[in-house]
Amino acid sequence: MTNYLVTIYHPDHYDPSLEDEAMGRDIDALNQEMVAAGIRVFVGGLHAAGRAKALRTQPGGKVLVTDGPYLETKEHIGGLWVLEAASLDEALEWGRKATVACRTPVEVRAFH
């Protein structure tokens, strides 16, 4: 079995207050389905990218810590699942369910 990362993408300046109760129920149902199937390893939502701290190495072994995400993009990771699936096709089926439940794009990637 391979572990897969299923990431949820939110647009920059995403407003979580726009998430309605139906979306919350759909995500909860998906999480319950994943647990029942025995494929969910970990799940987590993330705070807004604007609250992130980026760390970069500097000459002399120093590390610079700055406010904000590492990359300036129009979309940021809003949450994730780590799934243990038998194949990429199985992981993609869960990704399809995730994009419907979350009403936002998702990405599925295998771990090495």
N, C-alpha and C. Protein backbone atom coordinates (compact mmCIF):
# COMPACT_ATOMS: atom_id res chain seq x y z
N MET A 1 0.85 -1.18 0.00
CA MET A 1 0.00 0.00 0.00
C MET A 1 0.90 1.24 0.00
N THR A 2 0.46 2.24 -0.69
CA THR A 2 1.19 3.50 -0.81
C THR A 2 0.42 4.60 -0.10
N ASN A 3 1.15 5.53 0.50
CA ASN A 3 0.51 6.70 1.08
C ASN A 3 0.39 7.79 0.03
N TYR A 4 -0.75 8.47 0.04
CA TYR A 4 -1.03 9.56 -0.89
C TYR A 4 -1.41 10.80 -0.11
N LEU A 5 -0.96 11.94 -0.60
CA LEU A 5 -1.34 13.23 -0.04
C LEU A 5 -2.44 13.81 -0.91
N VAL A 6 -3.57 14.10 -0.30
CA VAL A 6 -4.69 14.76 -0.99
C VAL A 6 -4.79 16.15 -0.39
N THR A 7 -4.44 17.16 -1.18
CA THR A 7 -4.42 18.53 -0.67
C THR A 7 -5.60 19.32 -1.23
N ILE A 8 -6.15 20.16 -0.37
CA ILE A 8 -7.27 21.04 -0.71
C ILE A 8 -6.68 22.42 -1.00
N TYR A 9 -7.08 23.02 -2.11
CA TYR A 9 -6.58 24.34 -2.45
C TYR A 9 -7.65 25.40 -2.28
N HIS A 10 -7.26 26.50 -1.65
CA HIS A 10 -8.15 27.65 -1.48
C HIS A 10 -7.54 28.84 -2.20
N PRO A 11 -8.36 29.72 -2.73
CA PRO A 11 -7.82 30.93 -3.34
C PRO A 11 -7.20 31.83 -2.27
N ASP A 12 -6.28 32.67 -2.68
CA ASP A 12 -5.69 33.64 -1.77
C ASP A 12 -6.82 34.44 -1.13
N HIS A 13 -6.69 34.76 0.13
CA HIS A 13 -7.69 35.53 0.90
C HIS A 13 -9.01 34.76 1.03
N TYR A 14 -8.93 33.42 1.10
CA TYR A 14 -10.11 32.58 1.27
C TYR A 14 -10.81 32.94 2.58
N ASP A 15 -12.11 33.02 2.53
CA ASP A 15 -12.91 33.35 3.70
C ASP A 15 -13.67 32.12 4.18
N PRO A 16 -13.19 31.45 5.25
CA PRO A 16 -13.84 30.23 5.71
C PRO A 16 -15.27 30.46 6.22
N SER A 17 -15.62 31.69 6.51
CA SER A 17 -16.98 31.96 6.99
C SER A 17 -18.01 31.73 5.88
N LEU A 18 -17.56 31.61 4.63
CA LEU A 18 -18.47 31.35 3.52
C LEU A 18 -18.84 29.87 3.40
N GLU A 19 -18.18 29.02 4.18
CA GLU A 19 -18.49 27.59 4.16
C GLU A 19 -19.83 27.38 4.86
N ASP A 20 -20.77 26.76 4.19
CA ASP A 20 -22.09 26.56 4.78
C ASP A 20 -22.17 25.22 5.52
N GLU A 21 -23.27 25.01 6.22
CA GLU A 21 -23.46 23.78 6.99
C GLU A 21 -23.45 22.55 6.11
N ALA A 22 -24.01 22.65 4.91
CA ALA A 22 -24.04 21.51 3.99
C ALA A 22 -22.63 21.06 3.64
N MET A 23 -21.73 22.01 3.43
CA MET A 23 -20.35 21.66 3.11
C MET A 23 -19.71 20.97 4.30
N GLY A 24 -19.94 21.48 5.49
CA GLY A 24 -19.40 20.84 6.69
C GLY A 24 -19.90 19.41 6.85
N ARG A 25 -21.18 19.20 6.59
CA ARG A 25 -21.74 17.84 6.66
C ARG A 25 -21.11 16.93 5.61
N ASP A 26 -20.91 17.47 4.40
CA ASP A 26 -20.31 16.66 3.33
C ASP A 26 -18.88 16.26 3.68
N ILE A 27 -18.12 17.17 4.24
CA ILE A 27 -16.74 16.86 4.63
C ILE A 27 -16.72 15.87 5.78
N ASP A 28 -17.60 16.05 6.77
CA ASP A 28 -17.68 15.10 7.88
C ASP A 28 -18.05 13.71 7.37
N ALA A 29 -19.01 13.63 6.44
CA ALA A 29 -19.41 12.34 5.88
C ALA A 29 -18.25 11.69 5.13
N LEU A 30 -17.49 12.49 4.39
CA LEU A 30 -16.34 11.95 3.66
C LEU A 30 -15.31 11.40 4.65
N ASN A 31 -15.05 12.14 5.72
CA ASN A 31 -14.10 11.67 6.73
C ASN A 31 -14.56 10.36 7.35
N GLN A 32 -15.83 10.25 7.66
CA GLN A 32 -16.37 9.02 8.22
C GLN A 32 -16.24 7.87 7.23
N GLU A 33 -16.49 8.14 5.95
CA GLU A 33 -16.36 7.12 4.92
C GLU A 33 -14.91 6.64 4.80
N MET A 34 -13.96 7.59 4.88
CA MET A 34 -12.55 7.23 4.81
C MET A 34 -12.13 6.36 5.99
N VAL A 35 -12.61 6.73 7.19
CA VAL A 35 -12.29 5.94 8.38
C VAL A 35 -12.88 4.53 8.24
N ALA A 36 -14.14 4.46 7.81
CA ALA A 36 -14.79 3.15 7.65
C ALA A 36 -14.06 2.28 6.63
N ALA A 37 -13.51 2.89 5.59
CA ALA A 37 -12.77 2.16 4.56
C ALA A 37 -11.36 1.78 5.02
N GLY A 38 -10.92 2.37 6.14
CA GLY A 38 -9.59 2.07 6.67
C GLY A 38 -8.45 2.67 5.89
N ILE A 39 -8.70 3.75 5.14
CA ILE A 39 -7.63 4.32 4.31
C ILE A 39 -7.08 5.63 4.87
N ARG A 40 -7.81 6.27 5.80
CA ARG A 40 -7.36 7.57 6.30
C ARG A 40 -6.28 7.40 7.35
N VAL A 41 -5.12 8.00 7.10
CA VAL A 41 -4.00 7.99 8.03
C VAL A 41 -4.03 9.26 8.87
N PHE A 42 -4.28 10.39 8.23
CA PHE A 42 -4.26 11.70 8.91
C PHE A 42 -5.09 12.68 8.12
N VAL A 43 -5.71 13.62 8.80
CA VAL A 43 -6.45 14.70 8.16
C VAL A 43 -6.21 15.97 8.96
N GLY A 44 -6.15 17.11 8.29
CA GLY A 44 -5.99 18.37 9.00
C GLY A 44 -6.31 19.56 8.12
N GLY A 45 -6.92 20.55 8.72
CA GLY A 45 -7.15 21.83 8.07
C GLY A 45 -6.07 22.80 8.49
N LEU A 46 -5.79 23.76 7.64
CA LEU A 46 -4.73 24.73 7.93
C LEU A 46 -5.31 26.14 8.08
N HIS A 47 -4.66 26.93 8.92
CA HIS A 47 -5.01 28.34 9.02
C HIS A 47 -4.65 29.03 7.71
N ALA A 48 -5.12 30.24 7.53
CA ALA A 48 -4.87 31.01 6.31
C ALA A 48 -3.37 31.13 6.06
N ALA A 49 -2.99 31.11 4.78
CA ALA A 49 -1.59 31.20 4.39
C ALA A 49 -0.94 32.48 4.91
N GLY A 50 -1.71 33.54 5.04
CA GLY A 50 -1.17 34.79 5.55
C GLY A 50 -0.66 34.70 6.97
N ARG A 51 -1.05 33.67 7.69
CA ARG A 51 -0.59 33.48 9.07
C ARG A 51 0.64 32.58 9.14
N ALA A 52 1.11 32.12 7.99
CA ALA A 52 2.27 31.22 7.95
C ALA A 52 3.56 31.97 8.25
N LYS A 53 4.59 31.22 8.58
CA LYS A 53 5.95 31.73 8.73
C LYS A 53 6.82 30.95 7.76
N ALA A 54 7.63 31.63 7.00
CA ALA A 54 8.55 31.00 6.05
C ALA A 54 9.96 31.09 6.61
N LEU A 55 10.70 30.00 6.51
CA LEU A 55 12.08 29.95 6.99
C LEU A 55 13.00 29.67 5.82
N ARG A 56 14.07 30.46 5.72
CA ARG A 56 15.04 30.32 4.63
C ARG A 56 16.45 30.35 5.20
N THR A 57 17.29 29.45 4.68
CA THR A 57 18.68 29.45 5.15
C THR A 57 19.40 30.67 4.58
N GLN A 58 20.34 31.15 5.35
CA GLN A 58 21.15 32.31 4.99
C GLN A 58 22.62 31.93 5.11
N PRO A 59 23.51 32.75 4.54
CA PRO A 59 24.95 32.46 4.68
C PRO A 59 25.33 32.37 6.15
N GLY A 60 26.31 31.53 6.42
CA GLY A 60 26.81 31.38 7.78
C GLY A 60 25.92 30.51 8.66
N GLY A 61 25.00 29.77 8.06
CA GLY A 61 24.17 28.86 8.84
C GLY A 61 23.00 29.51 9.55
N LYS A 62 22.76 30.78 9.28
CA LYS A 62 21.64 31.46 9.92
C LYS A 62 20.34 31.12 9.18
N VAL A 63 19.22 31.33 9.85
CA VAL A 63 17.91 31.08 9.27
C VAL A 63 17.09 32.35 9.41
N LEU A 64 16.53 32.80 8.29
CA LEU A 64 15.68 33.98 8.27
C LEU A 64 14.22 33.53 8.36
N VAL A 65 13.48 34.10 9.32
CA VAL A 65 12.05 33.79 9.48
C VAL A 65 11.27 35.03 9.05
N THR A 66 10.35 34.84 8.10
CA THR A 66 9.54 35.96 7.62
C THR A 66 8.06 35.61 7.74
N ASP A 67 7.22 36.62 7.77
CA ASP A 67 5.78 36.43 7.82
C ASP A 67 5.27 36.06 6.44
N GLY A 68 4.24 35.23 6.43
CA GLY A 68 3.57 34.89 5.19
C GLY A 68 4.03 33.57 4.61
N PRO A 69 3.35 33.13 3.57
CA PRO A 69 3.68 31.84 2.97
C PRO A 69 5.03 31.86 2.28
N TYR A 70 5.57 30.67 2.07
CA TYR A 70 6.85 30.51 1.40
C TYR A 70 6.77 31.03 -0.03
N LEU A 71 5.68 30.71 -0.71
CA LEU A 71 5.49 31.14 -2.09
C LEU A 71 4.33 32.12 -2.17
N GLU A 72 4.46 33.11 -3.01
CA GLU A 72 3.35 34.02 -3.27
C GLU A 72 2.60 33.49 -4.48
N THR A 73 1.41 32.95 -4.23
CA THR A 73 0.61 32.37 -5.29
C THR A 73 -0.84 32.81 -5.14
N LYS A 74 -1.64 32.46 -6.11
CA LYS A 74 -3.06 32.81 -6.06
C LYS A 74 -3.86 31.77 -5.29
N GLU A 75 -3.27 30.60 -5.04
CA GLU A 75 -3.92 29.54 -4.29
C GLU A 75 -2.95 29.00 -3.23
N HIS A 76 -3.53 28.52 -2.13
CA HIS A 76 -2.73 27.97 -1.04
C HIS A 76 -3.38 26.69 -0.55
N ILE A 77 -2.59 25.84 0.09
CA ILE A 77 -3.14 24.62 0.68
C ILE A 77 -3.98 25.01 1.89
N GLY A 78 -5.23 24.57 1.88
CA GLY A 78 -6.14 24.88 2.98
C GLY A 78 -6.33 23.71 3.93
N GLY A 79 -5.97 22.52 3.49
CA GLY A 79 -6.11 21.34 4.31
C GLY A 79 -5.59 20.13 3.56
N LEU A 80 -5.56 18.99 4.24
CA LEU A 80 -4.98 17.81 3.62
C LEU A 80 -5.48 16.54 4.27
N TRP A 81 -5.38 15.47 3.51
CA TRP A 81 -5.54 14.11 4.00
C TRP A 81 -4.29 13.35 3.62
N VAL A 82 -3.88 12.43 4.46
CA VAL A 82 -2.90 11.42 4.09
C VAL A 82 -3.68 10.11 4.08
N LEU A 83 -3.69 9.46 2.92
CA LEU A 83 -4.44 8.23 2.73
C LEU A 83 -3.50 7.08 2.42
N GLU A 84 -3.86 5.88 2.85
CA GLU A 84 -3.12 4.68 2.47
C GLU A 84 -4.01 3.92 1.51
N ALA A 85 -3.62 3.91 0.24
CA ALA A 85 -4.46 3.32 -0.80
C ALA A 85 -3.68 2.28 -1.58
N ALA A 86 -4.42 1.35 -2.19
CA ALA A 86 -3.80 0.26 -2.95
C ALA A 86 -3.22 0.73 -4.28
N SER A 87 -3.74 1.85 -4.81
CA SER A 87 -3.29 2.31 -6.13
C SER A 87 -3.58 3.79 -6.30
N LEU A 88 -2.97 4.37 -7.31
CA LEU A 88 -3.26 5.76 -7.64
C LEU A 88 -4.73 5.91 -8.02
N ASP A 89 -5.27 4.95 -8.74
CA ASP A 89 -6.69 5.03 -9.12
C ASP A 89 -7.59 5.10 -7.90
N GLU A 90 -7.30 4.31 -6.87
CA GLU A 90 -8.10 4.37 -5.65
C GLU A 90 -7.95 5.73 -4.98
N ALA A 91 -6.72 6.24 -4.91
CA ALA A 91 -6.49 7.56 -4.31
C ALA A 91 -7.23 8.65 -5.09
N LEU A 92 -7.25 8.53 -6.42
CA LEU A 92 -7.96 9.51 -7.24
C LEU A 92 -9.47 9.46 -7.00
N GLU A 93 -10.01 8.29 -6.73
CA GLU A 93 -11.44 8.19 -6.40
C GLU A 93 -11.75 8.96 -5.13
N TRP A 94 -10.87 8.85 -4.14
CA TRP A 94 -11.06 9.63 -2.91
C TRP A 94 -10.85 11.11 -3.19
N GLY A 95 -9.91 11.46 -4.06
CA GLY A 95 -9.71 12.85 -4.44
C GLY A 95 -10.95 13.43 -5.11
N ARG A 96 -11.61 12.62 -5.94
CA ARG A 96 -12.86 13.07 -6.57
C ARG A 96 -13.91 13.39 -5.52
N LYS A 97 -14.03 12.52 -4.52
CA LYS A 97 -14.99 12.76 -3.45
C LYS A 97 -14.61 14.01 -2.65
N ALA A 98 -13.31 14.22 -2.46
CA ALA A 98 -12.85 15.38 -1.70
C ALA A 98 -13.15 16.68 -2.43
N THR A 99 -12.94 16.72 -3.74
CA THR A 99 -13.19 17.95 -4.48
C THR A 99 -14.68 18.30 -4.48
N VAL A 100 -15.53 17.27 -4.48
CA VAL A 100 -16.98 17.51 -4.42
C VAL A 100 -17.37 18.00 -3.03
N ALA A 101 -16.89 17.32 -1.98
CA ALA A 101 -17.25 17.69 -0.61
C ALA A 101 -16.74 19.08 -0.24
N CYS A 102 -15.51 19.39 -0.67
CA CYS A 102 -14.88 20.67 -0.28
C CYS A 102 -15.21 21.82 -1.22
N ARG A 103 -15.76 21.46 -2.41
CA ARG A 103 -16.14 22.49 -3.38
C ARG A 103 -14.95 23.36 -3.79
N THR A 104 -13.81 22.71 -3.93
CA THR A 104 -12.57 23.41 -4.29
C THR A 104 -11.63 22.40 -4.95
N PRO A 105 -10.64 22.87 -5.70
CA PRO A 105 -9.70 21.94 -6.31
C PRO A 105 -8.90 21.15 -5.27
N VAL A 106 -8.53 19.93 -5.62
CA VAL A 106 -7.63 19.13 -4.79
C VAL A 106 -6.53 18.56 -5.68
N GLU A 107 -5.46 18.15 -5.04
CA GLU A 107 -4.35 17.51 -5.76
C GLU A 107 -4.05 16.20 -5.04
N VAL A 108 -3.75 15.15 -5.80
CA VAL A 108 -3.38 13.85 -5.25
C VAL A 108 -1.95 13.54 -5.65
N ARG A 109 -1.11 13.25 -4.66
CA ARG A 109 0.30 12.93 -4.93
C ARG A 109 0.74 11.78 -4.06
N ALA A 110 1.51 10.86 -4.63
CA ALA A 110 2.07 9.73 -3.86
C ALA A 110 3.30 10.17 -3.09
N PHE A 111 3.49 9.56 -1.94
CA PHE A 111 4.75 9.73 -1.19
C PHE A 111 5.78 8.79 -1.78
N HIS A 112 7.05 9.15 -1.65
CA HIS A 112 8.14 8.25 -2.09
C HIS A 112 8.17 7.04 -1.20
